[in-house]
């Protein structure tokens, strides 16, 4: 879930990059530092944040509201979750 106010979920005294790294490490604790750095920059680039190396070193208050929301989305998707879609029983009857 991504909230409308990302500052309520982002740690204001922690840079954005390490917060995304925490999300990756929470699901893949054995990730090597070099691989973690590559995944972090790839995640930031995928979220269309310009200058990924610079954005990773910034604090949340240094980003615009839209960039904060993109950072939160990347934190949610960083571990590459598997999303399952279940059809309801009454939908199957209509198909």
PDB file of N, CA and C in Angstrom:
ATOM      1  N   UNK A   1       0.848  -1.164   0.000  1.00  0.00           N
ATOM      2  CA  UNK A   1       0.000   0.000   0.000  1.00  0.00           C
ATOM      3  C   UNK A   1       0.900   1.236   0.000  1.00  0.00           C
ATOM      4  N   UNK A   2       0.613   2.171  -0.852  1.00  0.00           N
ATOM      5  CA  UNK A   2       1.354   3.419  -0.931  1.00  0.00           C
ATOM      6  C   UNK A   2       0.425   4.535  -0.460  1.00  0.00           C
ATOM      7  N   UNK A   3       0.838   5.240   0.564  1.00  0.00           N
ATOM      8  CA  UNK A   3       0.008   6.287   1.130  1.00  0.00           C
ATOM      9  C   UNK A   3       0.191   7.608   0.381  1.00  0.00           C
ATOM     10  N   UNK A   4      -0.774   8.480   0.484  1.00  0.00           N
ATOM     11  CA  UNK A   4      -0.726   9.782  -0.186  1.00  0.00           C
ATOM     12  C   UNK A   4       0.364  10.678   0.392  1.00  0.00           C
ATOM     13  N   UNK A   5       0.660  10.519   1.661  1.00  0.00           N
ATOM     14  CA  UNK A   5       1.686  11.329   2.314  1.00  0.00           C
ATOM     15  C   UNK A   5       2.912  10.453   2.578  1.00  0.00           C
ATOM     16  N   UNK A   6       3.842  10.364   1.639  1.00  0.00           N
ATOM     17  CA  UNK A   6       4.986   9.472   1.824  1.00  0.00           C
ATOM     18  C   UNK A   6       5.892   9.867   2.988  1.00  0.00           C
ATOM     19  N   UNK A   7       5.838  11.128   3.429  1.00  0.00           N
ATOM     20  CA  UNK A   7       6.676  11.532   4.553  1.00  0.00           C
ATOM     21  C   UNK A   7       6.261  10.843   5.847  1.00  0.00           C
ATOM     22  N   UNK A   8       5.052  10.298   5.894  1.00  0.00           N
ATOM     23  CA  UNK A   8       4.639   9.567   7.088  1.00  0.00           C
ATOM     24  C   UNK A   8       5.272   8.176   7.127  1.00  0.00           C
ATOM     25  N   UNK A   9       5.781   7.700   5.994  1.00  0.00           N
ATOM     26  CA  UNK A   9       6.399   6.378   5.932  1.00  0.00           C
ATOM     27  C   UNK A   9       7.913   6.434   5.759  1.00  0.00           C
ATOM     28  N   UNK A  10       8.431   7.516   5.203  1.00  0.00           N
ATOM     29  CA  UNK A  10       9.871   7.653   5.019  1.00  0.00           C
ATOM     30  C   UNK A  10      10.509   8.177   6.299  1.00  0.00           C
ATOM     31  N   UNK A  11      11.677   7.667   6.620  1.00  0.00           N
ATOM     32  CA  UNK A  11      12.413   8.130   7.788  1.00  0.00           C
ATOM     33  C   UNK A  11      13.093   9.451   7.423  1.00  0.00           C
ATOM     34  N   UNK A  12      12.764  10.552   8.082  1.00  0.00           N
ATOM     35  CA  UNK A  12      13.298  11.858   7.688  1.00  0.00           C
ATOM     36  C   UNK A  12      14.788  12.047   7.958  1.00  0.00           C
ATOM     37  N   UNK A  13      15.394  11.214   8.807  1.00  0.00           N
ATOM     38  CA  UNK A  13      16.818  11.380   9.109  1.00  0.00           C
ATOM     39  C   UNK A  13      17.683  10.327   8.413  1.00  0.00           C
ATOM     40  N   UNK A  14      17.070   9.575   7.504  1.00  0.00           N
ATOM     41  CA  UNK A  14      17.789   8.540   6.764  1.00  0.00           C
ATOM     42  C   UNK A  14      17.705   8.845   5.278  1.00  0.00           C
ATOM     43  N   UNK A  15      18.805   8.712   4.578  1.00  0.00           N
ATOM     44  CA  UNK A  15      18.813   8.968   3.130  1.00  0.00           C
ATOM     45  C   UNK A  15      17.897   7.971   2.414  1.00  0.00           C
ATOM     46  N   UNK A  16      17.430   8.351   1.232  1.00  0.00           N
ATOM     47  CA  UNK A  16      16.459   7.537   0.492  1.00  0.00           C
ATOM     48  C   UNK A  16      17.056   6.191   0.069  1.00  0.00           C
ATOM     49  N   UNK A  17      18.295   6.194  -0.392  1.00  0.00           N
ATOM     50  CA  UNK A  17      18.935   4.963  -0.857  1.00  0.00           C
ATOM     51  C   UNK A  17      18.951   3.864   0.196  1.00  0.00           C
ATOM     52  N   UNK A  18      19.463   4.140   1.393  1.00  0.00           N
ATOM     53  CA  UNK A  18      19.469   3.099   2.422  1.00  0.00           C
ATOM     54  C   UNK A  18      18.072   2.605   2.807  1.00  0.00           C
ATOM     55  N   UNK A  19      17.053   3.441   2.666  1.00  0.00           N
ATOM     56  CA  UNK A  19      15.692   2.996   2.977  1.00  0.00           C
ATOM     57  C   UNK A  19      15.216   1.966   1.952  1.00  0.00           C
ATOM     58  N   UNK A  20      15.566   2.191   0.684  1.00  0.00           N
ATOM     59  CA  UNK A  20      15.206   1.216  -0.353  1.00  0.00           C
ATOM     60  C   UNK A  20      16.034  -0.056  -0.162  1.00  0.00           C
ATOM     61  N   UNK A  21      17.315   0.100   0.208  1.00  0.00           N
ATOM     62  CA  UNK A  21      18.164  -1.064   0.467  1.00  0.00           C
ATOM     63  C   UNK A  21      17.585  -1.921   1.595  1.00  0.00           C
ATOM     64  N   UNK A  22      17.061  -1.293   2.630  1.00  0.00           N
ATOM     65  CA  UNK A  22      16.448  -2.035   3.735  1.00  0.00           C
ATOM     66  C   UNK A  22      15.300  -2.904   3.248  1.00  0.00           C
ATOM     67  N   UNK A  23      14.501  -2.364   2.326  1.00  0.00           N
ATOM     68  CA  UNK A  23      13.374  -3.135   1.789  1.00  0.00           C
ATOM     69  C   UNK A  23      13.877  -4.352   1.016  1.00  0.00           C
ATOM     70  N   UNK A  24      14.960  -4.188   0.282  1.00  0.00           N
ATOM     71  CA  UNK A  24      15.534  -5.316  -0.466  1.00  0.00           C
ATOM     72  C   UNK A  24      16.090  -6.353   0.505  1.00  0.00           C
ATOM     73  N   UNK A  25      16.870  -5.887   1.488  1.00  0.00           N
ATOM     74  CA  UNK A  25      17.510  -6.805   2.432  1.00  0.00           C
ATOM     75  C   UNK A  25      16.511  -7.521   3.335  1.00  0.00           C
ATOM     76  N   UNK A  26      15.364  -6.918   3.574  1.00  0.00           N
ATOM     77  CA  UNK A  26      14.353  -7.569   4.408  1.00  0.00           C
ATOM     78  C   UNK A  26      13.852  -8.855   3.763  1.00  0.00           C
ATOM     79  N   UNK A  27      13.884  -8.911   2.438  1.00  0.00           N
ATOM     80  CA  UNK A  27      13.382 -10.085   1.720  1.00  0.00           C
ATOM     81  C   UNK A  27      14.498 -10.952   1.151  1.00  0.00           C
ATOM     82  N   UNK A  28      15.684 -10.367   0.987  1.00  0.00           N
ATOM     83  CA  UNK A  28      16.830 -11.099   0.432  1.00  0.00           C
ATOM     84  C   UNK A  28      18.067 -10.771   1.263  1.00  0.00           C
ATOM     85  N   UNK A  29      18.156 -11.308   2.482  1.00  0.00           N
ATOM     86  CA  UNK A  29      19.231 -10.911   3.391  1.00  0.00           C
ATOM     87  C   UNK A  29      20.637 -11.295   2.932  1.00  0.00           C
ATOM     88  N   UNK A  30      20.780 -12.243   2.034  1.00  0.00           N
ATOM     89  CA  UNK A  30      22.101 -12.687   1.610  1.00  0.00           C
ATOM     90  C   UNK A  30      22.639 -11.917   0.402  1.00  0.00           C
ATOM     91  N   UNK A  31      22.035 -10.803   0.059  1.00  0.00           N
ATOM     92  CA  UNK A  31      22.451 -10.035  -1.104  1.00  0.00           C
ATOM     93  C   UNK A  31      23.812  -9.393  -0.851  1.00  0.00           C
ATOM     94  N   UNK A  32      24.751  -9.587  -1.785  1.00  0.00           N
ATOM     95  CA  UNK A  32      26.084  -8.999  -1.674  1.00  0.00           C
ATOM     96  C   UNK A  32      26.004  -7.482  -1.864  1.00  0.00           C
ATOM     97  N   UNK A  33      26.961  -6.764  -1.294  1.00  0.00           N
ATOM     98  CA  UNK A  33      26.947  -5.297  -1.325  1.00  0.00           C
ATOM     99  C   UNK A  33      26.946  -4.768  -2.758  1.00  0.00           C
ATOM    100  N   UNK A  34      27.759  -5.339  -3.636  1.00  0.00           N
ATOM    101  CA  UNK A  34      27.820  -4.862  -5.028  1.00  0.00           C
ATOM    102  C   UNK A  34      26.489  -5.097  -5.737  1.00  0.00           C
ATOM    103  N   UNK A  35      25.905  -6.263  -5.519  1.00  0.00           N
ATOM    104  CA  UNK A  35      24.605  -6.569  -6.128  1.00  0.00           C
ATOM    105  C   UNK A  35      23.527  -5.660  -5.549  1.00  0.00           C
ATOM    106  N   UNK A  36      23.622  -5.385  -4.260  1.00  0.00           N
ATOM    107  CA  UNK A  36      22.656  -4.502  -3.606  1.00  0.00           C
ATOM    108  C   UNK A  36      22.730  -3.091  -4.196  1.00  0.00           C
ATOM    109  N   UNK A  37      23.949  -2.595  -4.393  1.00  0.00           N
ATOM    110  CA  UNK A  37      24.125  -1.265  -4.990  1.00  0.00           C
ATOM    111  C   UNK A  37      23.549  -1.208  -6.403  1.00  0.00           C
ATOM    112  N   UNK A  38      23.779  -2.264  -7.190  1.00  0.00           N
ATOM    113  CA  UNK A  38      23.235  -2.304  -8.561  1.00  0.00           C
ATOM    114  C   UNK A  38      21.711  -2.331  -8.529  1.00  0.00           C
ATOM    115  N   UNK A  39      21.140  -3.152  -7.635  1.00  0.00           N
ATOM    116  CA  UNK A  39      19.676  -3.231  -7.543  1.00  0.00           C
ATOM    117  C   UNK A  39      19.071  -1.924  -7.087  1.00  0.00           C
ATOM    118  N   UNK A  40      19.752  -1.245  -6.159  1.00  0.00           N
ATOM    119  CA  UNK A  40      19.264   0.046  -5.671  1.00  0.00           C
ATOM    120  C   UNK A  40      19.195   1.050  -6.813  1.00  0.00           C
ATOM    121  N   UNK A  41      20.289   1.205  -7.556  1.00  0.00           N
ATOM    122  CA  UNK A  41      20.304   2.178  -8.650  1.00  0.00           C
ATOM    123  C   UNK A  41      19.318   1.790  -9.745  1.00  0.00           C
ATOM    124  N   UNK A  42      19.189   0.494 -10.023  1.00  0.00           N
ATOM    125  CA  UNK A  42      18.212   0.044 -11.027  1.00  0.00           C
ATOM    126  C   UNK A  42      16.790   0.349 -10.568  1.00  0.00           C
ATOM    127  N   UNK A  43      16.519   0.163  -9.274  1.00  0.00           N
ATOM    128  CA  UNK A  43      15.183   0.442  -8.742  1.00  0.00           C
ATOM    129  C   UNK A  43      14.867   1.924  -8.850  1.00  0.00           C
ATOM    130  N   UNK A  44      15.836   2.769  -8.536  1.00  0.00           N
ATOM    131  CA  UNK A  44      15.614   4.211  -8.610  1.00  0.00           C
ATOM    132  C   UNK A  44      15.420   4.653 -10.058  1.00  0.00           C
ATOM    133  N   UNK A  45      16.220   4.091 -10.971  1.00  0.00           N
ATOM    134  CA  UNK A  45      16.055   4.418 -12.394  1.00  0.00           C
ATOM    135  C   UNK A  45      14.683   3.969 -12.894  1.00  0.00           C
ATOM    136  N   UNK A  46      14.253   2.763 -12.485  1.00  0.00           N
ATOM    137  CA  UNK A  46      12.975   2.225 -12.929  1.00  0.00           C
ATOM    138  C   UNK A  46      11.812   3.099 -12.472  1.00  0.00           C
ATOM    139  N   UNK A  47      11.987   3.766 -11.341  1.00  0.00           N
ATOM    140  CA  UNK A  47      10.935   4.652 -10.818  1.00  0.00           C
ATOM    141  C   UNK A  47      10.963   6.012 -11.504  1.00  0.00           C
ATOM    142  N   UNK A  48      11.819   6.170 -12.489  1.00  0.00           N
ATOM    143  CA  UNK A  48      11.948   7.416 -13.261  1.00  0.00           C
ATOM    144  C   UNK A  48      12.395   8.590 -12.401  1.00  0.00           C
ATOM    145  N   UNK A  49      13.221   8.306 -11.399  1.00  0.00           N
ATOM    146  CA  UNK A  49      13.825   9.386 -10.639  1.00  0.00           C
ATOM    147  C   UNK A  49      15.097   9.793 -11.373  1.00  0.00           C
ATOM    148  N   UNK A  50      15.210  11.053 -11.762  1.00  0.00           N
ATOM    149  CA  UNK A  50      16.408  11.483 -12.475  1.00  0.00           C
ATOM    150  C   UNK A  50      17.635  11.432 -11.564  1.00  0.00           C
ATOM    151  N   UNK A  51      18.797  11.198 -12.142  1.00  0.00           N
ATOM    152  CA  UNK A  51      20.068  11.155 -11.419  1.00  0.00           C
ATOM    153  C   UNK A  51      20.009  10.191 -10.232  1.00  0.00           C
ATOM    154  N   UNK A  52      19.925   8.890 -10.481  1.00  0.00           N
ATOM    155  CA  UNK A  52      19.755   7.916  -9.402  1.00  0.00           C
ATOM    156  C   UNK A  52      20.826   7.984  -8.313  1.00  0.00           C
ATOM    157  N   UNK A  53      22.086   8.222  -8.701  1.00  0.00           N
ATOM    158  CA  UNK A  53      23.156   8.278  -7.705  1.00  0.00           C
ATOM    159  C   UNK A  53      22.941   9.445  -6.741  1.00  0.00           C
ATOM    160  N   UNK A  54      22.466  10.575  -7.277  1.00  0.00           N
ATOM    161  CA  UNK A  54      22.216  11.754  -6.448  1.00  0.00           C
ATOM    162  C   UNK A  54      20.991  11.522  -5.569  1.00  0.00           C
ATOM    163  N   UNK A  55      19.916  10.981  -6.133  1.00  0.00           N
ATOM    164  CA  UNK A  55      18.670  10.764  -5.385  1.00  0.00           C
ATOM    165  C   UNK A  55      18.883   9.786  -4.231  1.00  0.00           C
ATOM    166  N   UNK A  56      19.721   8.770  -4.439  1.00  0.00           N
ATOM    167  CA  UNK A  56      19.968   7.790  -3.382  1.00  0.00           C
ATOM    168  C   UNK A  56      20.623   8.432  -2.164  1.00  0.00           C
ATOM    169  N   UNK A  57      21.362   9.520  -2.376  1.00  0.00           N
ATOM    170  CA  UNK A  57      22.070  10.182  -1.277  1.00  0.00           C
ATOM    171  C   UNK A  57      21.272  11.321  -0.644  1.00  0.00           C
ATOM    172  N   UNK A  58      20.088  11.599  -1.162  1.00  0.00           N
ATOM    173  CA  UNK A  58      19.291  12.701  -0.631  1.00  0.00           C
ATOM    174  C   UNK A  58      18.383  12.229   0.500  1.00  0.00           C
ATOM    175  N   UNK A  59      18.021  13.185   1.351  1.00  0.00           N
ATOM    176  CA  UNK A  59      17.056  12.922   2.408  1.00  0.00           C
ATOM    177  C   UNK A  59      15.655  13.144   1.847  1.00  0.00           C
ATOM    178  N   UNK A  60      14.639  12.526   2.420  1.00  0.00           N
ATOM    179  CA  UNK A  60      13.279  12.670   1.892  1.00  0.00           C
ATOM    180  C   UNK A  60      12.812  14.123   1.733  1.00  0.00           C
ATOM    181  N   UNK A  61      13.202  15.008   2.648  1.00  0.00           N
ATOM    182  CA  UNK A  61      12.734  16.394   2.537  1.00  0.00           C
ATOM    183  C   UNK A  61      13.344  17.125   1.343  1.00  0.00           C
ATOM    184  N   UNK A  62      14.373  16.543   0.737  1.00  0.00           N
ATOM    185  CA  UNK A  62      15.002  17.154  -0.427  1.00  0.00           C
ATOM    186  C   UNK A  62      14.330  16.742  -1.735  1.00  0.00           C
ATOM    187  N   UNK A  63      13.371  15.846  -1.666  1.00  0.00           N
ATOM    188  CA  UNK A  63      12.645  15.401  -2.855  1.00  0.00           C
ATOM    189  C   UNK A  63      11.277  16.066  -2.909  1.00  0.00           C
ATOM    190  N   UNK A  64      10.768  16.208  -4.116  1.00  0.00           N
ATOM    191  CA  UNK A  64       9.408  16.730  -4.263  1.00  0.00           C
ATOM    192  C   UNK A  64       8.421  15.647  -3.818  1.00  0.00           C
ATOM    193  N   UNK A  65       7.161  16.016  -3.656  1.00  0.00           N
ATOM    194  CA  UNK A  65       6.143  15.061  -3.229  1.00  0.00           C
ATOM    195  C   UNK A  65       6.009  13.889  -4.179  1.00  0.00           C
ATOM    196  N   UNK A  66       6.058  14.162  -5.483  1.00  0.00           N
ATOM    197  CA  UNK A  66       5.943  13.091  -6.473  1.00  0.00           C
ATOM    198  C   UNK A  66       7.125  12.142  -6.434  1.00  0.00           C
ATOM    199  N   UNK A  67       8.333  12.691  -6.247  1.00  0.00           N
ATOM    200  CA  UNK A  67       9.512  11.840  -6.164  1.00  0.00           C
ATOM    201  C   UNK A  67       9.497  11.009  -4.887  1.00  0.00           C
ATOM    202  N   UNK A  68       8.953  11.560  -3.808  1.00  0.00           N
ATOM    203  CA  UNK A  68       8.817  10.785  -2.567  1.00  0.00           C
ATOM    204  C   UNK A  68       7.875   9.601  -2.784  1.00  0.00           C
ATOM    205  N   UNK A  69       6.770   9.844  -3.487  1.00  0.00           N
ATOM    206  CA  UNK A  69       5.833   8.750  -3.753  1.00  0.00           C
ATOM    207  C   UNK A  69       6.488   7.685  -4.623  1.00  0.00           C
ATOM    208  N   UNK A  70       7.271   8.098  -5.611  1.00  0.00           N
ATOM    209  CA  UNK A  70       7.977   7.124  -6.443  1.00  0.00           C
ATOM    210  C   UNK A  70       8.959   6.313  -5.614  1.00  0.00           C
ATOM    211  N   UNK A  71       9.641   6.968  -4.677  1.00  0.00           N
ATOM    212  CA  UNK A  71      10.567   6.245  -3.799  1.00  0.00           C
ATOM    213  C   UNK A  71       9.817   5.209  -2.973  1.00  0.00           C
ATOM    214  N   UNK A  72       8.639   5.570  -2.466  1.00  0.00           N
ATOM    215  CA  UNK A  72       7.838   4.621  -1.685  1.00  0.00           C
ATOM    216  C   UNK A  72       7.371   3.448  -2.554  1.00  0.00           C
ATOM    217  N   UNK A  73       6.999   3.724  -3.778  1.00  0.00           N
ATOM    218  CA  UNK A  73       6.582   2.658  -4.690  1.00  0.00           C
ATOM    219  C   UNK A  73       7.748   1.706  -4.923  1.00  0.00           C
ATOM    220  N   UNK A  74       8.949   2.258  -5.108  1.00  0.00           N
ATOM    221  CA  UNK A  74      10.112   1.407  -5.321  1.00  0.00           C
ATOM    222  C   UNK A  74      10.438   0.594  -4.080  1.00  0.00           C
ATOM    223  N   UNK A  75      10.216   1.159  -2.905  1.00  0.00           N
ATOM    224  CA  UNK A  75      10.444   0.390  -1.675  1.00  0.00           C
ATOM    225  C   UNK A  75       9.489  -0.794  -1.619  1.00  0.00           C
ATOM    226  N   UNK A  76       8.253  -0.573  -2.056  1.00  0.00           N
ATOM    227  CA  UNK A  76       7.260  -1.650  -2.034  1.00  0.00           C
ATOM    228  C   UNK A  76       7.568  -2.726  -3.076  1.00  0.00           C
ATOM    229  N   UNK A  77       8.092  -2.315  -4.219  1.00  0.00           N
ATOM    230  CA  UNK A  77       8.346  -3.256  -5.305  1.00  0.00           C
ATOM    231  C   UNK A  77       9.779  -3.755  -5.359  1.00  0.00           C
ATOM    232  N   UNK A  78      10.671  -3.198  -4.560  1.00  0.00           N
ATOM    233  CA  UNK A  78      12.085  -3.571  -4.594  1.00  0.00           C
ATOM    234  C   UNK A  78      12.318  -5.064  -4.383  1.00  0.00           C
ATOM    235  N   UNK A  79      11.601  -5.720  -3.475  1.00  0.00           N
ATOM    236  CA  UNK A  79      11.842  -7.154  -3.287  1.00  0.00           C
ATOM    237  C   UNK A  79      11.263  -8.031  -4.390  1.00  0.00           C
ATOM    238  N   UNK A  80      10.725  -7.460  -5.448  1.00  0.00           N
ATOM    239  CA  UNK A  80      10.121  -8.203  -6.564  1.00  0.00           C
ATOM    240  C   UNK A  80       9.016  -9.138  -6.087  1.00  0.00           C
ATOM    241  N   UNK A  81       7.954  -8.583  -5.521  1.00  0.00           N
ATOM    242  CA  UNK A  81       6.881  -9.440  -5.004  1.00  0.00           C
ATOM    243  C   UNK A  81       6.133 -10.140  -6.128  1.00  0.00           C
ATOM    244  N   UNK A  82       5.653 -11.315  -5.811  1.00  0.00           N
ATOM    245  CA  UNK A  82       4.804 -12.052  -6.742  1.00  0.00           C
ATOM    246  C   UNK A  82       3.368 -11.637  -6.449  1.00  0.00           C
ATOM    247  N   UNK A  83       2.692 -11.144  -7.447  1.00  0.00           N
ATOM    248  CA  UNK A  83       1.326 -10.686  -7.265  1.00  0.00           C
ATOM    249  C   UNK A  83       0.392 -11.717  -7.896  1.00  0.00           C
ATOM    250  N   UNK A  84      -0.475 -12.259  -7.094  1.00  0.00           N
ATOM    251  CA  UNK A  84      -1.412 -13.273  -7.569  1.00  0.00           C
ATOM    252  C   UNK A  84      -2.781 -12.641  -7.769  1.00  0.00           C
ATOM    253  N   UNK A  85      -3.449 -13.068  -8.803  1.00  0.00           N
ATOM    254  CA  UNK A  85      -4.798 -12.576  -9.071  1.00  0.00           C
ATOM    255  C   UNK A  85      -5.737 -13.762  -9.002  1.00  0.00           C
ATOM    256  N   UNK A  86      -6.710 -13.661  -8.115  1.00  0.00           N
ATOM    257  CA  UNK A  86      -7.710 -14.716  -7.992  1.00  0.00           C
ATOM    258  C   UNK A  86      -9.038 -14.208  -8.510  1.00  0.00           C
ATOM    259  N   UNK A  87      -9.665 -15.017  -9.312  1.00  0.00           N
ATOM    260  CA  UNK A  87     -11.000 -14.670  -9.783  1.00  0.00           C
ATOM    261  C   UNK A  87     -12.003 -15.167  -8.759  1.00  0.00           C
ATOM    262  N   UNK A  88     -12.996 -14.413  -8.517  1.00  0.00           N
ATOM    263  CA  UNK A  88     -14.051 -14.838  -7.588  1.00  0.00           C
ATOM    264  C   UNK A  88     -14.930 -15.889  -8.247  1.00  0.00           C
ATOM    265  N   UNK A  89     -15.564 -16.675  -7.417  1.00  0.00           N
ATOM    266  CA  UNK A  89     -16.394 -17.760  -7.917  1.00  0.00           C
ATOM    267  C   UNK A  89     -17.502 -17.257  -8.834  1.00  0.00           C
ATOM    268  N   UNK A  90     -18.139 -16.136  -8.482  1.00  0.00           N
ATOM    269  CA  UNK A  90     -19.238 -15.660  -9.325  1.00  0.00           C
ATOM    270  C   UNK A  90     -18.699 -15.100 -10.644  1.00  0.00           C
ATOM    271  N   UNK A  91     -17.455 -14.645 -10.697  1.00  0.00           N
ATOM    272  CA  UNK A  91     -16.870 -14.189 -11.957  1.00  0.00           C
ATOM    273  C   UNK A  91     -16.606 -15.373 -12.888  1.00  0.00           C
ATOM    274  N   UNK A  92     -16.240 -16.511 -12.330  1.00  0.00           N
ATOM    275  CA  UNK A  92     -15.993 -17.690 -13.148  1.00  0.00           C
ATOM    276  C   UNK A  92     -17.285 -18.181 -13.822  1.00  0.00           C
ATOM    277  N   UNK A  93     -18.380 -18.029 -13.117  1.00  0.00           N
ATOM    278  CA  UNK A  93     -19.659 -18.464 -13.669  1.00  0.00           C
ATOM    279  C   UNK A  93     -20.065 -17.606 -14.864  1.00  0.00           C
ATOM    280  N   UNK A  94     -19.628 -16.346 -14.858  1.00  0.00           N
ATOM    281  CA  UNK A  94     -19.967 -15.455 -15.962  1.00  0.00           C
ATOM    282  C   UNK A  94     -19.069 -15.654 -17.171  1.00  0.00           C
ATOM    283  N   UNK A  95     -17.880 -16.208 -16.944  1.00  0.00           N
ATOM    284  CA  UNK A  95     -16.894 -16.345 -18.028  1.00  0.00           C
ATOM    285  C   UNK A  95     -17.249 -17.446 -18.982  1.00  0.00           C
TER     286      UNK A  95
END
